[in-house]
Amino acid sequence: MSSAERAAALPDMPTISEQRLPRLHRCSRGGDGCAGKTPRPIVNRLNADVNRILSQPEVKQSFLAAGTEPMVMTLEQLDQFVKAESAKWGKAVKRVRAQRWT
C-alpha cells in the first residue's frame, strides 16, 4: 500500500511507510474539470454535486470495493492538494532526471 494511510478495503495491509520507507507515499488521483472560463457559480455547483455523490454510502462502497477511496474536497482544498502534489513530484522528477543524465 503506497498511500500514507492504510486502505479501508485492506485494513490489515501495512503501508510502505510502515514497512521500510517512512517518507514514501503516493496516491492515485483523478478528477473532473471544466473549461477555465466556466462561471464560478457553476464550478461551485459541480463541486458540491460531485462531493454529495461521492459521499453517498453506496458510491463510497463501490470505490472501496475497487480498492480506492474517494477524496471529497472543497475547491480550496483541491487547489492546495494539487499545488502540494505538484511541488513534491516535480522535485522527484527533477532529481531522477538529474541522476539519469549525470
N, C-alpha and C. Protein backbone atom coordinates (compact mmCIF):
# COMPACT_ATOMS: atom_id res chain seq x y z
N MET A 1 0.86 -1.16 0.00
CA MET A 1 0.00 0.00 0.00
C MET A 1 0.91 1.22 0.00
N SER A 2 0.77 2.05 -1.00
CA SER A 2 1.68 3.19 -1.11
C SER A 2 1.06 4.50 -0.66
N SER A 3 -0.13 4.46 -0.11
CA SER A 3 -0.71 5.70 0.42
C SER A 3 -0.18 5.95 1.82
N ALA A 4 -0.44 7.12 2.36
CA ALA A 4 0.04 7.47 3.69
C ALA A 4 -0.69 6.68 4.78
N GLU A 5 -1.96 6.36 4.53
CA GLU A 5 -2.75 5.60 5.50
C GLU A 5 -3.16 4.27 4.90
N ARG A 6 -3.48 3.32 5.76
CA ARG A 6 -3.97 2.04 5.29
C ARG A 6 -5.29 2.22 4.57
N ALA A 7 -5.52 1.40 3.58
CA ALA A 7 -6.76 1.47 2.81
C ALA A 7 -7.89 0.81 3.59
N ALA A 8 -9.06 1.41 3.53
CA ALA A 8 -10.22 0.84 4.22
C ALA A 8 -10.54 -0.54 3.69
N ALA A 9 -10.31 -0.77 2.40
CA ALA A 9 -10.60 -2.06 1.80
C ALA A 9 -9.61 -3.14 2.23
N LEU A 10 -8.42 -2.74 2.66
CA LEU A 10 -7.37 -3.68 3.08
C LEU A 10 -6.74 -3.21 4.39
N PRO A 11 -7.51 -3.20 5.47
CA PRO A 11 -7.01 -2.62 6.71
C PRO A 11 -5.83 -3.35 7.34
N ASP A 12 -5.62 -4.61 6.99
CA ASP A 12 -4.51 -5.37 7.56
C ASP A 12 -3.23 -5.27 6.74
N MET A 13 -3.29 -4.61 5.59
CA MET A 13 -2.10 -4.48 4.76
C MET A 13 -1.33 -3.23 5.17
N PRO A 14 -0.10 -3.40 5.66
CA PRO A 14 0.70 -2.24 6.06
C PRO A 14 1.08 -1.38 4.86
N THR A 15 1.27 -0.11 5.13
CA THR A 15 1.73 0.80 4.09
C THR A 15 3.23 0.63 3.90
N ILE A 16 3.74 1.15 2.79
CA ILE A 16 5.18 1.13 2.56
C ILE A 16 5.88 1.87 3.70
N SER A 17 5.28 2.96 4.14
CA SER A 17 5.87 3.75 5.22
C SER A 17 6.03 2.92 6.49
N GLU A 18 5.07 2.08 6.78
CA GLU A 18 5.15 1.25 7.98
C GLU A 18 6.20 0.15 7.84
N GLN A 19 6.50 -0.21 6.62
CA GLN A 19 7.44 -1.30 6.38
C GLN A 19 8.90 -0.85 6.32
N ARG A 20 9.19 0.09 5.42
CA ARG A 20 10.60 0.43 5.21
C ARG A 20 10.89 1.87 4.86
N LEU A 21 9.99 2.51 4.18
CA LEU A 21 10.28 3.82 3.62
C LEU A 21 9.32 4.85 4.20
N PRO A 22 9.63 5.39 5.37
CA PRO A 22 8.68 6.27 6.06
C PRO A 22 8.32 7.54 5.31
N ARG A 23 9.14 7.98 4.38
CA ARG A 23 8.83 9.22 3.66
C ARG A 23 8.15 8.97 2.32
N LEU A 24 8.00 7.71 1.96
CA LEU A 24 7.41 7.40 0.66
C LEU A 24 5.91 7.14 0.80
N HIS A 25 5.14 7.91 0.11
CA HIS A 25 3.73 7.62 -0.05
C HIS A 25 3.22 8.38 -1.26
N ARG A 26 2.22 7.82 -1.85
CA ARG A 26 1.60 8.44 -3.01
C ARG A 26 0.15 8.01 -3.05
N CYS A 27 -0.60 8.72 -3.80
CA CYS A 27 -1.98 8.32 -4.01
C CYS A 27 -2.30 8.49 -5.48
N SER A 28 -3.17 7.64 -5.94
CA SER A 28 -3.66 7.82 -7.30
C SER A 28 -4.66 8.95 -7.26
N ARG A 29 -4.71 9.70 -8.29
CA ARG A 29 -5.68 10.79 -8.26
C ARG A 29 -6.30 10.94 -9.64
N GLY A 30 -7.49 11.34 -9.58
CA GLY A 30 -8.23 11.63 -10.79
C GLY A 30 -9.22 12.70 -10.41
N GLY A 31 -9.73 13.34 -11.35
CA GLY A 31 -10.69 14.37 -11.02
C GLY A 31 -11.43 14.82 -12.26
N ASP A 32 -12.36 15.65 -12.02
CA ASP A 32 -13.13 16.23 -13.11
C ASP A 32 -12.74 17.68 -13.25
N GLY A 33 -12.87 18.19 -14.41
CA GLY A 33 -12.55 19.58 -14.65
C GLY A 33 -13.54 20.20 -15.61
N CYS A 34 -13.38 21.45 -15.81
CA CYS A 34 -14.22 22.16 -16.77
C CYS A 34 -13.38 23.29 -17.37
N ALA A 35 -13.90 23.91 -18.37
CA ALA A 35 -13.18 24.98 -19.05
C ALA A 35 -12.81 26.10 -18.08
N GLY A 36 -11.67 26.72 -18.30
CA GLY A 36 -11.17 27.76 -17.41
C GLY A 36 -12.08 28.96 -17.25
N LYS A 37 -12.90 29.22 -18.23
CA LYS A 37 -13.78 30.40 -18.16
C LYS A 37 -15.19 30.05 -17.66
N THR A 38 -15.35 28.85 -17.11
CA THR A 38 -16.65 28.47 -16.56
C THR A 38 -16.97 29.39 -15.38
N PRO A 39 -18.14 29.96 -15.34
CA PRO A 39 -18.50 30.86 -14.23
C PRO A 39 -18.38 30.16 -12.87
N ARG A 40 -17.87 30.88 -11.89
CA ARG A 40 -17.63 30.32 -10.56
C ARG A 40 -18.87 29.68 -9.94
N PRO A 41 -20.06 30.25 -10.08
CA PRO A 41 -21.24 29.58 -9.51
C PRO A 41 -21.47 28.17 -10.08
N ILE A 42 -21.16 27.99 -11.36
CA ILE A 42 -21.32 26.68 -11.97
C ILE A 42 -20.25 25.72 -11.44
N VAL A 43 -19.03 26.19 -11.32
CA VAL A 43 -17.95 25.36 -10.76
C VAL A 43 -18.30 24.96 -9.33
N ASN A 44 -18.79 25.90 -8.54
CA ASN A 44 -19.18 25.60 -7.16
C ASN A 44 -20.28 24.54 -7.12
N ARG A 45 -21.24 24.68 -8.01
CA ARG A 45 -22.36 23.72 -8.04
C ARG A 45 -21.86 22.33 -8.44
N LEU A 46 -21.00 22.26 -9.46
CA LEU A 46 -20.44 20.97 -9.87
C LEU A 46 -19.67 20.33 -8.73
N ASN A 47 -18.85 21.11 -8.04
CA ASN A 47 -18.07 20.58 -6.91
C ASN A 47 -18.99 20.05 -5.82
N ALA A 48 -20.03 20.80 -5.49
CA ALA A 48 -20.96 20.37 -4.45
C ALA A 48 -21.68 19.09 -4.86
N ASP A 49 -22.10 19.03 -6.12
CA ASP A 49 -22.82 17.84 -6.60
C ASP A 49 -21.92 16.60 -6.60
N VAL A 50 -20.70 16.75 -7.09
CA VAL A 50 -19.78 15.61 -7.11
C VAL A 50 -19.47 15.16 -5.68
N ASN A 51 -19.21 16.10 -4.78
CA ASN A 51 -18.94 15.74 -3.39
C ASN A 51 -20.13 15.04 -2.74
N ARG A 52 -21.32 15.51 -3.04
CA ARG A 52 -22.53 14.88 -2.50
C ARG A 52 -22.64 13.44 -2.99
N ILE A 53 -22.39 13.23 -4.27
CA ILE A 53 -22.47 11.89 -4.84
C ILE A 53 -21.39 10.98 -4.26
N LEU A 54 -20.15 11.48 -4.18
CA LEU A 54 -19.06 10.67 -3.63
C LEU A 54 -19.26 10.34 -2.16
N SER A 55 -20.06 11.13 -1.46
CA SER A 55 -20.30 10.90 -0.03
C SER A 55 -21.44 9.90 0.22
N GLN A 56 -22.18 9.54 -0.81
CA GLN A 56 -23.26 8.57 -0.63
C GLN A 56 -22.66 7.21 -0.28
N PRO A 57 -23.18 6.56 0.73
CA PRO A 57 -22.59 5.28 1.18
C PRO A 57 -22.41 4.24 0.08
N GLU A 58 -23.39 4.10 -0.81
CA GLU A 58 -23.28 3.06 -1.84
C GLU A 58 -22.21 3.43 -2.87
N VAL A 59 -22.04 4.71 -3.15
CA VAL A 59 -20.99 5.14 -4.08
C VAL A 59 -19.63 4.95 -3.43
N LYS A 60 -19.50 5.41 -2.19
CA LYS A 60 -18.24 5.23 -1.47
C LYS A 60 -17.87 3.76 -1.39
N GLN A 61 -18.84 2.90 -1.10
CA GLN A 61 -18.58 1.46 -1.01
C GLN A 61 -18.11 0.89 -2.33
N SER A 62 -18.66 1.37 -3.44
CA SER A 62 -18.23 0.86 -4.73
C SER A 62 -16.77 1.24 -5.01
N PHE A 63 -16.37 2.42 -4.60
CA PHE A 63 -14.96 2.81 -4.72
C PHE A 63 -14.09 1.93 -3.84
N LEU A 64 -14.51 1.74 -2.59
CA LEU A 64 -13.73 0.91 -1.67
C LEU A 64 -13.59 -0.52 -2.19
N ALA A 65 -14.66 -1.06 -2.76
CA ALA A 65 -14.61 -2.41 -3.31
C ALA A 65 -13.62 -2.50 -4.47
N ALA A 66 -13.41 -1.41 -5.16
CA ALA A 66 -12.45 -1.37 -6.26
C ALA A 66 -11.03 -1.08 -5.78
N GLY A 67 -10.87 -0.90 -4.46
CA GLY A 67 -9.55 -0.66 -3.89
C GLY A 67 -9.10 0.78 -3.85
N THR A 68 -10.02 1.69 -3.93
CA THR A 68 -9.67 3.11 -3.89
C THR A 68 -10.65 3.85 -2.99
N GLU A 69 -10.26 5.00 -2.52
CA GLU A 69 -11.10 5.80 -1.65
C GLU A 69 -11.29 7.18 -2.25
N PRO A 70 -12.54 7.60 -2.41
CA PRO A 70 -12.77 8.94 -2.97
C PRO A 70 -12.34 10.02 -1.99
N MET A 71 -11.81 11.09 -2.53
CA MET A 71 -11.40 12.23 -1.71
C MET A 71 -12.41 13.36 -1.95
N VAL A 72 -13.19 13.66 -0.94
CA VAL A 72 -14.18 14.72 -1.04
C VAL A 72 -13.51 16.01 -0.56
N MET A 73 -13.44 17.00 -1.46
CA MET A 73 -12.72 18.23 -1.14
C MET A 73 -13.49 19.46 -1.59
N THR A 74 -13.27 20.54 -0.87
CA THR A 74 -13.72 21.84 -1.37
C THR A 74 -12.78 22.25 -2.50
N LEU A 75 -13.16 23.27 -3.24
CA LEU A 75 -12.28 23.75 -4.30
C LEU A 75 -10.96 24.26 -3.74
N GLU A 76 -11.02 24.88 -2.58
CA GLU A 76 -9.79 25.39 -1.96
C GLU A 76 -8.88 24.23 -1.51
N GLN A 77 -9.47 23.18 -0.95
CA GLN A 77 -8.69 22.02 -0.56
C GLN A 77 -8.06 21.35 -1.77
N LEU A 78 -8.82 21.25 -2.85
CA LEU A 78 -8.30 20.66 -4.07
C LEU A 78 -7.13 21.48 -4.61
N ASP A 79 -7.26 22.79 -4.60
CA ASP A 79 -6.19 23.67 -5.07
C ASP A 79 -4.92 23.44 -4.27
N GLN A 80 -5.04 23.38 -2.95
CA GLN A 80 -3.87 23.15 -2.09
C GLN A 80 -3.28 21.76 -2.33
N PHE A 81 -4.13 20.77 -2.50
CA PHE A 81 -3.68 19.41 -2.75
C PHE A 81 -2.88 19.34 -4.05
N VAL A 82 -3.41 19.93 -5.11
CA VAL A 82 -2.73 19.90 -6.41
C VAL A 82 -1.39 20.64 -6.32
N LYS A 83 -1.36 21.77 -5.66
CA LYS A 83 -0.10 22.51 -5.51
C LYS A 83 0.94 21.71 -4.74
N ALA A 84 0.52 21.06 -3.65
CA ALA A 84 1.45 20.27 -2.84
C ALA A 84 1.96 19.06 -3.62
N GLU A 85 1.07 18.36 -4.31
CA GLU A 85 1.48 17.19 -5.10
C GLU A 85 2.41 17.60 -6.24
N SER A 86 2.11 18.72 -6.90
CA SER A 86 2.96 19.19 -7.99
C SER A 86 4.36 19.53 -7.49
N ALA A 87 4.43 20.19 -6.34
CA ALA A 87 5.73 20.55 -5.78
C ALA A 87 6.51 19.29 -5.40
N LYS A 88 5.84 18.36 -4.75
CA LYS A 88 6.51 17.13 -4.29
C LYS A 88 7.00 16.30 -5.47
N TRP A 89 6.13 16.01 -6.41
CA TRP A 89 6.51 15.13 -7.51
C TRP A 89 7.37 15.86 -8.53
N GLY A 90 7.25 17.17 -8.64
CA GLY A 90 8.13 17.93 -9.53
C GLY A 90 9.58 17.81 -9.08
N LYS A 91 9.80 17.91 -7.77
CA LYS A 91 11.16 17.74 -7.23
C LYS A 91 11.68 16.34 -7.50
N ALA A 92 10.84 15.34 -7.33
CA ALA A 92 11.27 13.96 -7.56
C ALA A 92 11.64 13.74 -9.01
N VAL A 93 10.84 14.27 -9.93
CA VAL A 93 11.14 14.11 -11.35
C VAL A 93 12.45 14.80 -11.71
N LYS A 94 12.66 16.00 -11.21
CA LYS A 94 13.91 16.71 -11.48
C LYS A 94 15.11 15.95 -10.93
N ARG A 95 14.96 15.38 -9.75
CA ARG A 95 16.05 14.63 -9.13
C ARG A 95 16.38 13.38 -9.95
N VAL A 96 15.37 12.68 -10.40
CA VAL A 96 15.59 11.47 -11.20
C VAL A 96 16.23 11.83 -12.53
N ARG A 97 15.74 12.86 -13.17
CA ARG A 97 16.34 13.27 -14.45
C ARG A 97 17.79 13.69 -14.25
N ALA A 98 18.08 14.38 -13.17
CA ALA A 98 19.45 14.81 -12.91
C ALA A 98 20.36 13.61 -12.72
N GLN A 99 19.89 12.60 -12.01
CA GLN A 99 20.70 11.40 -11.78
C GLN A 99 20.86 10.58 -13.06
N ARG A 100 19.83 10.58 -13.86
CA ARG A 100 19.87 9.79 -15.08
C ARG A 100 20.89 10.32 -16.06
N TRP A 101 21.02 11.62 -16.15
CA TRP A 101 21.88 12.23 -17.15
C TRP A 101 23.28 12.58 -16.65
N THR A 102 23.55 12.33 -15.39
CA THR A 102 24.90 12.65 -14.90
C THR A 102 25.77 11.42 -14.78
